[in-house]
N, C-alpha and C. Protein backbone atom coordinates (compact mmCIF):
# COMPACT_ATOMS: atom_id res chain seq x y z
N UNK A 1 -35.20 11.48 32.55
CA UNK A 1 -36.32 12.22 31.98
C UNK A 1 -35.91 12.57 30.64
N UNK A 2 -36.90 12.32 29.69
CA UNK A 2 -36.71 12.63 28.27
C UNK A 2 -37.26 14.04 27.96
N UNK A 3 -36.27 14.83 27.37
CA UNK A 3 -36.74 16.14 26.87
C UNK A 3 -37.32 16.31 25.56
N UNK A 4 -38.43 16.81 25.30
CA UNK A 4 -39.16 16.89 24.05
C UNK A 4 -38.57 18.02 23.21
N UNK A 5 -38.58 17.91 22.07
CA UNK A 5 -38.02 19.07 21.16
C UNK A 5 -39.21 19.96 21.00
N UNK A 6 -38.80 21.16 21.04
CA UNK A 6 -39.89 22.31 20.95
C UNK A 6 -40.24 22.52 19.33
N UNK A 7 -41.65 22.54 19.29
CA UNK A 7 -42.23 22.77 17.92
C UNK A 7 -42.57 24.10 17.73
N UNK A 8 -42.50 24.61 16.48
CA UNK A 8 -43.03 25.99 16.06
C UNK A 8 -43.79 25.75 14.76
N UNK A 9 -44.55 26.69 14.51
CA UNK A 9 -45.30 26.69 13.09
C UNK A 9 -44.75 27.72 12.15
N UNK A 10 -44.58 27.30 11.04
CA UNK A 10 -44.10 28.29 9.91
C UNK A 10 -45.10 28.23 8.78
N UNK A 11 -45.47 29.52 8.33
CA UNK A 11 -46.55 29.58 7.29
C UNK A 11 -45.89 29.94 5.91
N UNK A 12 -46.13 28.98 4.93
CA UNK A 12 -45.40 29.26 3.58
C UNK A 12 -46.49 29.63 2.62
N UNK A 13 -46.35 30.58 1.93
CA UNK A 13 -47.31 31.22 0.87
C UNK A 13 -46.72 30.86 -0.56
N UNK A 14 -47.59 30.27 -1.33
CA UNK A 14 -47.09 29.81 -2.78
C UNK A 14 -47.12 30.97 -3.86
N UNK A 15 -47.74 31.97 -3.58
CA UNK A 15 -47.99 33.08 -4.52
C UNK A 15 -49.00 34.11 -4.01
N UNK A 16 -49.04 35.14 -4.67
CA UNK A 16 -49.96 36.37 -4.43
C UNK A 16 -51.45 36.07 -4.11
N UNK A 17 -51.94 35.04 -4.86
CA UNK A 17 -53.32 34.60 -4.68
C UNK A 17 -53.49 33.72 -3.36
N UNK A 18 -52.36 33.32 -2.95
CA UNK A 18 -52.32 32.26 -1.70
C UNK A 18 -52.55 32.98 -0.21
N UNK A 19 -53.83 33.26 0.14
CA UNK A 19 -54.07 33.97 1.36
C UNK A 19 -54.01 33.15 2.59
N UNK A 20 -54.02 31.86 2.55
CA UNK A 20 -54.07 30.97 3.64
C UNK A 20 -52.71 30.31 3.92
N UNK A 21 -51.87 29.99 2.84
CA UNK A 21 -50.54 29.35 3.08
C UNK A 21 -50.70 28.00 3.28
N UNK A 22 -49.66 27.28 3.74
CA UNK A 22 -49.46 26.06 4.23
C UNK A 22 -48.77 26.07 5.55
N UNK A 23 -49.45 25.61 6.67
CA UNK A 23 -48.66 25.60 7.82
C UNK A 23 -47.94 24.34 8.00
N UNK A 24 -46.73 24.60 8.60
CA UNK A 24 -45.68 23.50 8.75
C UNK A 24 -45.29 23.36 10.07
N UNK A 25 -45.25 22.31 10.74
CA UNK A 25 -44.77 22.13 11.97
C UNK A 25 -43.32 21.80 11.94
N UNK A 26 -42.48 22.58 12.77
CA UNK A 26 -41.00 22.48 12.68
C UNK A 26 -40.48 22.28 14.08
N UNK A 27 -39.32 21.68 14.09
CA UNK A 27 -38.67 21.58 15.19
C UNK A 27 -37.48 22.66 15.37
N UNK A 28 -37.59 23.34 16.63
CA UNK A 28 -36.57 24.25 16.84
C UNK A 28 -35.13 23.75 16.70
N UNK A 29 -34.29 24.28 15.87
CA UNK A 29 -32.84 23.83 15.55
C UNK A 29 -32.73 23.31 14.16
N UNK A 30 -33.80 22.93 13.52
CA UNK A 30 -33.75 22.55 12.18
C UNK A 30 -33.82 23.77 11.23
N UNK A 31 -33.39 23.52 9.99
CA UNK A 31 -33.40 24.51 9.06
C UNK A 31 -34.96 24.65 8.38
N UNK A 32 -35.22 25.84 7.95
CA UNK A 32 -36.42 26.18 7.36
C UNK A 32 -36.53 25.11 6.10
N UNK A 33 -35.55 24.92 5.33
CA UNK A 33 -35.56 24.02 4.14
C UNK A 33 -35.98 22.59 4.59
N UNK A 34 -35.19 22.04 5.75
CA UNK A 34 -35.45 20.71 6.22
C UNK A 34 -36.84 20.55 6.52
N UNK A 35 -37.53 21.60 7.32
CA UNK A 35 -38.87 21.62 7.68
C UNK A 35 -39.82 21.52 6.48
N UNK A 36 -39.66 22.43 5.39
CA UNK A 36 -40.43 22.37 4.28
C UNK A 36 -40.22 20.97 3.37
N UNK A 37 -39.16 20.47 3.41
CA UNK A 37 -38.92 19.19 2.68
C UNK A 37 -39.57 18.19 3.33
N UNK A 38 -39.34 17.97 4.74
CA UNK A 38 -40.02 17.09 5.55
C UNK A 38 -41.48 17.02 5.37
N UNK A 39 -42.20 18.24 5.20
CA UNK A 39 -43.50 18.47 5.10
C UNK A 39 -44.03 18.23 3.59
N UNK A 40 -43.12 17.94 2.65
CA UNK A 40 -43.39 17.88 1.35
C UNK A 40 -44.11 19.03 0.71
N UNK A 41 -43.55 20.10 1.09
CA UNK A 41 -43.91 21.59 0.49
C UNK A 41 -43.57 21.62 -1.01
N UNK A 42 -44.55 21.88 -1.69
CA UNK A 42 -44.17 22.13 -3.27
C UNK A 42 -43.62 23.48 -3.32
N UNK A 43 -42.45 23.67 -3.99
CA UNK A 43 -41.88 25.09 -4.07
C UNK A 43 -40.48 25.22 -3.45
N UNK A 44 -40.03 24.11 -2.69
CA UNK A 44 -38.77 24.07 -2.20
C UNK A 44 -38.13 22.85 -2.81
N UNK A 45 -37.32 23.05 -3.70
CA UNK A 45 -36.62 21.92 -4.49
C UNK A 45 -35.42 21.41 -3.76
N UNK A 46 -34.60 22.24 -3.12
CA UNK A 46 -33.46 21.90 -2.21
C UNK A 46 -32.56 20.78 -3.02
N UNK A 47 -32.21 20.96 -4.19
CA UNK A 47 -31.35 20.19 -5.01
C UNK A 47 -30.06 19.67 -4.30
N UNK A 48 -29.34 20.66 -3.57
CA UNK A 48 -28.10 20.34 -3.05
C UNK A 48 -28.20 19.66 -1.67
N UNK A 49 -29.49 19.68 -1.07
CA UNK A 49 -29.68 19.09 0.13
C UNK A 49 -29.13 20.04 1.32
N UNK A 50 -29.03 21.21 1.12
CA UNK A 50 -28.56 22.22 2.21
C UNK A 50 -27.08 22.43 2.20
N UNK A 51 -26.26 22.21 1.21
CA UNK A 51 -24.86 22.36 1.32
C UNK A 51 -24.49 23.77 0.77
N UNK A 52 -25.45 24.60 0.42
CA UNK A 52 -25.26 26.08 -0.17
C UNK A 52 -24.38 25.93 -1.48
N UNK A 53 -24.84 24.98 -2.41
CA UNK A 53 -24.12 24.90 -3.75
C UNK A 53 -25.19 25.21 -4.78
N UNK A 54 -26.48 25.57 -4.49
CA UNK A 54 -27.46 25.84 -5.32
C UNK A 54 -28.46 26.89 -4.77
N UNK A 55 -29.30 27.31 -5.56
CA UNK A 55 -30.29 28.41 -4.83
C UNK A 55 -31.69 27.82 -5.05
N UNK A 56 -31.98 26.65 -5.03
CA UNK A 56 -33.23 26.02 -5.38
C UNK A 56 -34.18 25.86 -3.97
N UNK A 57 -33.75 26.69 -2.97
CA UNK A 57 -34.62 26.70 -1.76
C UNK A 57 -34.74 28.14 -1.41
N UNK A 58 -34.78 28.98 -2.48
CA UNK A 58 -34.93 30.37 -2.32
C UNK A 58 -36.42 30.77 -1.66
N UNK A 59 -36.37 31.61 -0.72
CA UNK A 59 -37.73 31.96 -0.12
C UNK A 59 -37.55 33.62 0.06
N UNK A 60 -38.66 34.19 0.29
CA UNK A 60 -38.88 35.58 0.75
C UNK A 60 -39.46 35.60 2.16
N UNK A 61 -38.72 36.14 3.02
CA UNK A 61 -39.15 36.03 4.53
C UNK A 61 -39.94 37.40 4.82
N UNK A 62 -41.02 37.22 5.33
CA UNK A 62 -41.84 38.55 5.69
C UNK A 62 -41.29 39.13 6.99
N UNK A 63 -41.49 40.43 7.06
CA UNK A 63 -41.24 41.06 8.42
C UNK A 63 -42.31 40.80 9.37
N UNK A 64 -42.21 40.72 10.68
CA UNK A 64 -41.03 41.17 11.46
C UNK A 64 -40.03 39.92 11.48
N UNK A 65 -40.26 38.83 10.99
CA UNK A 65 -39.32 37.68 11.17
C UNK A 65 -38.03 37.85 10.41
N UNK A 66 -37.94 38.53 9.24
CA UNK A 66 -36.78 38.75 8.55
C UNK A 66 -35.71 39.47 9.42
N UNK A 67 -36.09 40.40 10.34
CA UNK A 67 -35.24 41.21 11.28
C UNK A 67 -34.62 40.32 12.27
N UNK A 68 -35.43 39.12 12.57
CA UNK A 68 -35.01 38.27 13.67
C UNK A 68 -33.91 37.23 13.21
N UNK A 69 -33.81 37.16 12.03
CA UNK A 69 -32.85 36.25 11.50
C UNK A 69 -31.42 36.69 11.74
N UNK A 70 -30.40 35.63 11.77
CA UNK A 70 -29.07 36.21 11.63
C UNK A 70 -28.62 36.71 10.38
N UNK A 71 -27.58 37.55 10.39
CA UNK A 71 -27.04 38.26 9.35
C UNK A 71 -26.76 37.22 8.10
N UNK A 72 -27.13 37.50 6.91
CA UNK A 72 -26.74 36.74 5.69
C UNK A 72 -25.21 36.69 5.60
N UNK A 73 -24.63 35.36 5.57
CA UNK A 73 -23.32 35.38 5.12
C UNK A 73 -23.06 35.68 3.70
N UNK A 74 -21.75 36.01 3.39
CA UNK A 74 -21.43 36.37 2.16
C UNK A 74 -21.75 35.18 1.00
N UNK A 75 -21.48 34.00 1.47
CA UNK A 75 -21.55 32.86 0.46
C UNK A 75 -23.12 32.94 0.17
N UNK A 76 -24.10 32.97 1.18
CA UNK A 76 -25.36 32.95 0.88
C UNK A 76 -25.74 34.07 -0.07
N UNK A 77 -25.32 35.27 0.31
CA UNK A 77 -25.60 36.31 -0.57
C UNK A 77 -25.19 36.22 -2.01
N UNK A 78 -24.06 35.61 -2.17
CA UNK A 78 -23.59 35.37 -3.63
C UNK A 78 -24.34 34.19 -4.34
N UNK A 79 -24.71 33.31 -3.58
CA UNK A 79 -25.62 32.10 -4.27
C UNK A 79 -26.92 32.62 -4.72
N UNK A 80 -27.47 33.65 -3.89
CA UNK A 80 -28.91 34.21 -4.25
C UNK A 80 -28.86 34.93 -5.71
N UNK A 81 -27.66 35.36 -6.15
CA UNK A 81 -27.48 35.73 -7.43
C UNK A 81 -27.96 34.71 -8.61
N UNK A 82 -27.86 33.36 -8.14
CA UNK A 82 -28.14 32.29 -9.11
C UNK A 82 -29.65 31.82 -9.01
N UNK A 83 -30.38 32.45 -8.26
CA UNK A 83 -31.89 32.00 -8.01
C UNK A 83 -32.59 32.15 -9.30
N UNK A 84 -33.48 31.29 -9.56
CA UNK A 84 -34.23 31.36 -10.85
C UNK A 84 -35.13 32.56 -10.87
N UNK A 85 -35.66 33.06 -9.89
CA UNK A 85 -36.59 34.17 -9.79
C UNK A 85 -35.77 35.29 -9.02
N UNK A 86 -35.87 36.58 -9.70
CA UNK A 86 -35.15 37.53 -9.19
C UNK A 86 -35.11 37.72 -7.50
N UNK A 87 -33.91 37.87 -7.02
CA UNK A 87 -33.98 37.98 -5.52
C UNK A 87 -34.78 39.26 -5.11
N UNK A 88 -35.23 39.39 -3.91
CA UNK A 88 -35.76 40.63 -3.45
C UNK A 88 -35.06 41.00 -2.10
N UNK A 89 -35.37 42.17 -1.54
CA UNK A 89 -34.67 42.62 -0.34
C UNK A 89 -34.82 41.74 0.85
N UNK A 90 -35.81 40.77 0.75
CA UNK A 90 -36.15 39.97 1.82
C UNK A 90 -35.90 38.40 1.44
N UNK A 91 -35.06 38.25 0.33
CA UNK A 91 -34.76 36.83 -0.07
C UNK A 91 -33.66 36.17 0.77
N UNK A 92 -33.93 35.00 0.98
CA UNK A 92 -32.88 34.14 1.80
C UNK A 92 -32.89 32.84 1.28
N UNK A 93 -31.92 31.93 1.44
CA UNK A 93 -31.95 30.57 1.19
C UNK A 93 -32.53 29.73 2.35
N UNK A 94 -33.34 29.11 2.24
CA UNK A 94 -34.04 28.42 3.45
C UNK A 94 -33.12 27.36 4.19
N UNK A 95 -32.13 26.97 3.33
CA UNK A 95 -31.24 25.96 4.02
C UNK A 95 -30.26 26.75 5.08
N UNK A 96 -30.20 28.00 5.06
CA UNK A 96 -29.35 28.89 5.83
C UNK A 96 -30.20 29.59 7.08
N UNK A 97 -31.53 29.28 7.00
CA UNK A 97 -32.15 29.81 8.13
C UNK A 97 -32.55 28.75 9.10
N UNK A 98 -31.89 28.93 10.16
CA UNK A 98 -31.90 28.03 11.38
C UNK A 98 -33.19 28.42 12.21
N UNK A 99 -34.13 27.60 12.40
CA UNK A 99 -35.28 27.81 13.14
C UNK A 99 -35.02 27.94 14.85
N UNK A 100 -35.63 29.07 15.30
CA UNK A 100 -35.66 29.27 16.65
C UNK A 100 -37.17 29.54 17.33
N UNK A 101 -37.11 29.44 18.55
CA UNK A 101 -38.56 29.76 19.14
C UNK A 101 -39.01 31.03 18.79
N UNK A 102 -38.21 32.08 18.60
CA UNK A 102 -38.52 33.30 18.22
C UNK A 102 -39.12 33.51 16.87
N UNK A 103 -39.12 32.38 16.00
CA UNK A 103 -39.64 32.38 14.71
C UNK A 103 -40.87 31.74 14.67
N UNK A 104 -41.45 31.43 15.76
CA UNK A 104 -42.91 30.72 15.72
C UNK A 104 -43.83 31.72 14.99
N UNK A 105 -44.58 31.20 14.08
CA UNK A 105 -45.55 31.97 13.30
C UNK A 105 -44.94 32.59 12.12
N UNK A 106 -43.71 32.34 11.78
CA UNK A 106 -43.11 33.02 10.68
C UNK A 106 -43.64 32.83 9.40
N UNK A 107 -43.80 33.86 8.60
CA UNK A 107 -44.41 33.91 7.33
C UNK A 107 -43.32 34.03 6.23
N UNK A 108 -43.45 32.91 5.31
CA UNK A 108 -42.50 32.97 4.08
C UNK A 108 -43.26 32.86 2.87
N UNK A 109 -42.69 33.64 1.85
CA UNK A 109 -43.34 33.53 0.50
C UNK A 109 -42.28 32.69 -0.45
N UNK A 110 -42.89 31.81 -1.32
CA UNK A 110 -42.14 31.07 -2.05
C UNK A 110 -42.14 31.61 -3.48
N UNK A 111 -40.96 31.64 -4.22
CA UNK A 111 -40.94 32.21 -5.49
C UNK A 111 -41.75 31.39 -6.46
N UNK A 112 -42.12 32.03 -7.69
CA UNK A 112 -42.96 31.34 -8.73
C UNK A 112 -42.23 30.03 -9.08
N UNK A 113 -40.97 30.11 -9.20
CA UNK A 113 -40.18 28.62 -9.67
C UNK A 113 -38.68 28.76 -8.94
N UNK A 114 -38.24 27.52 -8.88
CA UNK A 114 -37.02 27.37 -8.41
C UNK A 114 -36.03 27.02 -9.48
N UNK A 115 -36.51 26.94 -10.73
CA UNK A 115 -35.73 26.55 -11.91
C UNK A 115 -35.92 27.56 -13.00
């Protein structure tokens, strides 16, 4: 018997005027960055491919989903200091956000620029 991968939906918003966002189908276990890149979402550059050596996958995760994420490791916290747009209290690097079933429906804002 073949087990299917569980899918969830993530909503990415490109700016304050974007009230609908882009709905992205993602597989539980993949990173938020990989899901956005696979869906060709503008606004996630992901220059380092998820190796935590840049900040071009910076996002702001809305509540209540932010509280559901694992704690931010110190290396991610340090790398956010190099993001092109100022970090906010809910800033994360999407390459470090591993998607779980509990994140179905998550809403994420994209910064004005990654450069």
